[in-house]
Amino acid sequence: MIRKRGSQYVILSKTKRKVLGTFRTKKEALKRLRQIEFFKHAKG
């Protein structure tokens, strides 16, 4: 989940609301969120 806090975008976990990263642009945040989702579901 991406939220805007002040001038930065923050990636938060869906359940515990942990901060997984802060980024200057939404594009950077989306890129990192895709990476996180990829590795969560990677097998082997």
N, C-alpha and C. Protein backbone atom coordinates (compact mmCIF):
# COMPACT_ATOMS: atom_id res chain seq x y z
N MET A 1 0.85 -1.16 0.00
CA MET A 1 0.00 0.00 0.00
C MET A 1 0.90 1.23 0.00
N ILE A 2 0.60 2.19 -0.86
CA ILE A 2 1.39 3.41 -0.95
C ILE A 2 0.57 4.57 -0.43
N ARG A 3 1.16 5.33 0.47
CA ARG A 3 0.50 6.52 1.03
C ARG A 3 1.43 7.71 0.88
N LYS A 4 0.86 8.89 0.75
CA LYS A 4 1.67 10.09 0.69
C LYS A 4 1.73 10.72 2.07
N ARG A 5 2.95 10.95 2.55
CA ARG A 5 3.18 11.60 3.84
C ARG A 5 4.04 12.82 3.58
N GLY A 6 3.43 13.97 3.71
CA GLY A 6 4.17 15.19 3.43
C GLY A 6 4.53 15.25 1.97
N SER A 7 5.81 15.31 1.68
CA SER A 7 6.26 15.38 0.29
C SER A 7 6.77 14.04 -0.22
N GLN A 8 6.72 13.00 0.63
CA GLN A 8 7.24 11.71 0.23
C GLN A 8 6.15 10.65 0.15
N TYR A 9 6.45 9.59 -0.58
CA TYR A 9 5.55 8.44 -0.69
C TYR A 9 6.12 7.32 0.17
N VAL A 10 5.25 6.66 0.95
CA VAL A 10 5.66 5.63 1.88
C VAL A 10 4.97 4.32 1.53
N ILE A 11 5.73 3.23 1.50
CA ILE A 11 5.14 1.90 1.30
C ILE A 11 4.88 1.32 2.68
N LEU A 12 3.62 0.92 2.92
CA LEU A 12 3.22 0.33 4.19
C LEU A 12 2.76 -1.09 3.97
N SER A 13 3.00 -1.95 4.96
CA SER A 13 2.46 -3.31 4.88
C SER A 13 0.95 -3.24 5.07
N LYS A 14 0.24 -4.22 4.53
CA LYS A 14 -1.22 -4.18 4.59
C LYS A 14 -1.76 -4.53 5.97
N THR A 15 -1.08 -5.42 6.68
CA THR A 15 -1.64 -5.88 7.94
C THR A 15 -1.15 -5.10 9.15
N LYS A 16 0.15 -4.99 9.30
CA LYS A 16 0.70 -4.40 10.53
C LYS A 16 1.10 -2.94 10.37
N ARG A 17 0.94 -2.41 9.17
CA ARG A 17 1.26 -1.01 8.91
C ARG A 17 2.73 -0.66 9.17
N LYS A 18 3.61 -1.62 8.88
CA LYS A 18 5.03 -1.36 8.98
C LYS A 18 5.47 -0.54 7.78
N VAL A 19 6.41 0.36 7.97
CA VAL A 19 6.95 1.15 6.88
C VAL A 19 8.01 0.31 6.17
N LEU A 20 7.80 0.08 4.88
CA LEU A 20 8.72 -0.75 4.10
C LEU A 20 9.64 0.08 3.23
N GLY A 21 9.46 1.38 3.23
CA GLY A 21 10.34 2.26 2.47
C GLY A 21 9.71 3.61 2.22
N THR A 22 10.55 4.63 2.06
CA THR A 22 10.08 5.97 1.72
C THR A 22 10.77 6.41 0.44
N PHE A 23 10.02 7.09 -0.42
CA PHE A 23 10.53 7.47 -1.73
C PHE A 23 10.08 8.88 -2.09
N ARG A 24 10.86 9.55 -2.93
CA ARG A 24 10.52 10.91 -3.34
C ARG A 24 9.40 10.97 -4.36
N THR A 25 9.32 9.94 -5.22
CA THR A 25 8.30 9.95 -6.27
C THR A 25 7.43 8.71 -6.19
N LYS A 26 6.23 8.82 -6.71
CA LYS A 26 5.31 7.69 -6.72
C LYS A 26 5.83 6.58 -7.64
N LYS A 27 6.50 6.98 -8.72
CA LYS A 27 7.05 6.01 -9.67
C LYS A 27 8.09 5.11 -8.99
N GLU A 28 8.95 5.70 -8.17
CA GLU A 28 9.95 4.92 -7.44
C GLU A 28 9.28 3.98 -6.44
N ALA A 29 8.24 4.46 -5.77
CA ALA A 29 7.53 3.65 -4.79
C ALA A 29 6.84 2.46 -5.46
N LEU A 30 6.21 2.69 -6.61
CA LEU A 30 5.56 1.60 -7.35
C LEU A 30 6.56 0.55 -7.79
N LYS A 31 7.73 1.00 -8.24
CA LYS A 31 8.77 0.08 -8.69
C LYS A 31 9.20 -0.83 -7.53
N ARG A 32 9.42 -0.26 -6.38
CA ARG A 32 9.84 -1.04 -5.21
C ARG A 32 8.73 -1.97 -4.73
N LEU A 33 7.48 -1.50 -4.77
CA LEU A 33 6.36 -2.34 -4.36
C LEU A 33 6.25 -3.57 -5.26
N ARG A 34 6.47 -3.39 -6.56
CA ARG A 34 6.46 -4.53 -7.49
C ARG A 34 7.58 -5.52 -7.15
N GLN A 35 8.76 -4.99 -6.79
CA GLN A 35 9.88 -5.86 -6.41
C GLN A 35 9.52 -6.68 -5.17
N ILE A 36 8.92 -6.03 -4.18
CA ILE A 36 8.54 -6.71 -2.94
C ILE A 36 7.55 -7.82 -3.25
N GLU A 37 6.53 -7.53 -4.05
CA GLU A 37 5.52 -8.53 -4.40
C GLU A 37 6.13 -9.69 -5.18
N PHE A 38 7.06 -9.40 -6.08
CA PHE A 38 7.72 -10.44 -6.87
C PHE A 38 8.44 -11.42 -5.95
N PHE A 39 9.24 -10.91 -5.02
CA PHE A 39 10.02 -11.79 -4.17
C PHE A 39 9.18 -12.49 -3.11
N LYS A 40 8.03 -11.91 -2.74
CA LYS A 40 7.13 -12.59 -1.82
C LYS A 40 6.59 -13.87 -2.45
N HIS A 41 6.36 -13.86 -3.76
CA HIS A 41 5.75 -14.99 -4.44
C HIS A 41 6.73 -15.85 -5.22
N ALA A 42 8.02 -15.51 -5.19
CA ALA A 42 9.03 -16.29 -5.91
C ALA A 42 9.24 -17.62 -5.21
N LYS A 43 9.37 -18.66 -5.99
CA LYS A 43 9.60 -19.99 -5.43
C LYS A 43 10.91 -20.55 -5.96
N GLY A 44 11.60 -21.32 -5.12
CA GLY A 44 12.79 -22.00 -5.54
C GLY A 44 13.97 -21.16 -5.45
